[in-house]
């Protein structure tokens, strides 16, 4: 079992920044590939960023590339999502997710079905 707790969401004006954190427990963090998803009202959940177990490999969706940065600190069991230049369309509930079965230390999990554990979500609201 992996427990995930997100924090850092909130209400911010367009153009602003937020830093989301996700603290993991229950398993050695370096054995887990991590991802950040978001879900807006009426929309499907989408992967916006992911990192490999090592942190050496990262992925960003086209809609956030250049504005979002995912990072992880394996000594603190935490993954971060730095969100800059926020837009109203970034408004969503953001979830971190854990894939504990990725064998390759540097590979990315791209599919939501690969993630076995999810946090409770943190709301990000961007006003125009």
Foldseek 3Di string as FASTA:
>chain_A
DKAKAKDWADEEAAQAKIKMKIAIDDDQQLLKKKWKWWDDVPGDIATAKTFFSQRPDMDGDPVQPPFWDWGDDSVRRMIMIIGGRDDQVVWTWMKMFIQNPDPDRGDTDHDPVNTDDIYPTDTHGYHD
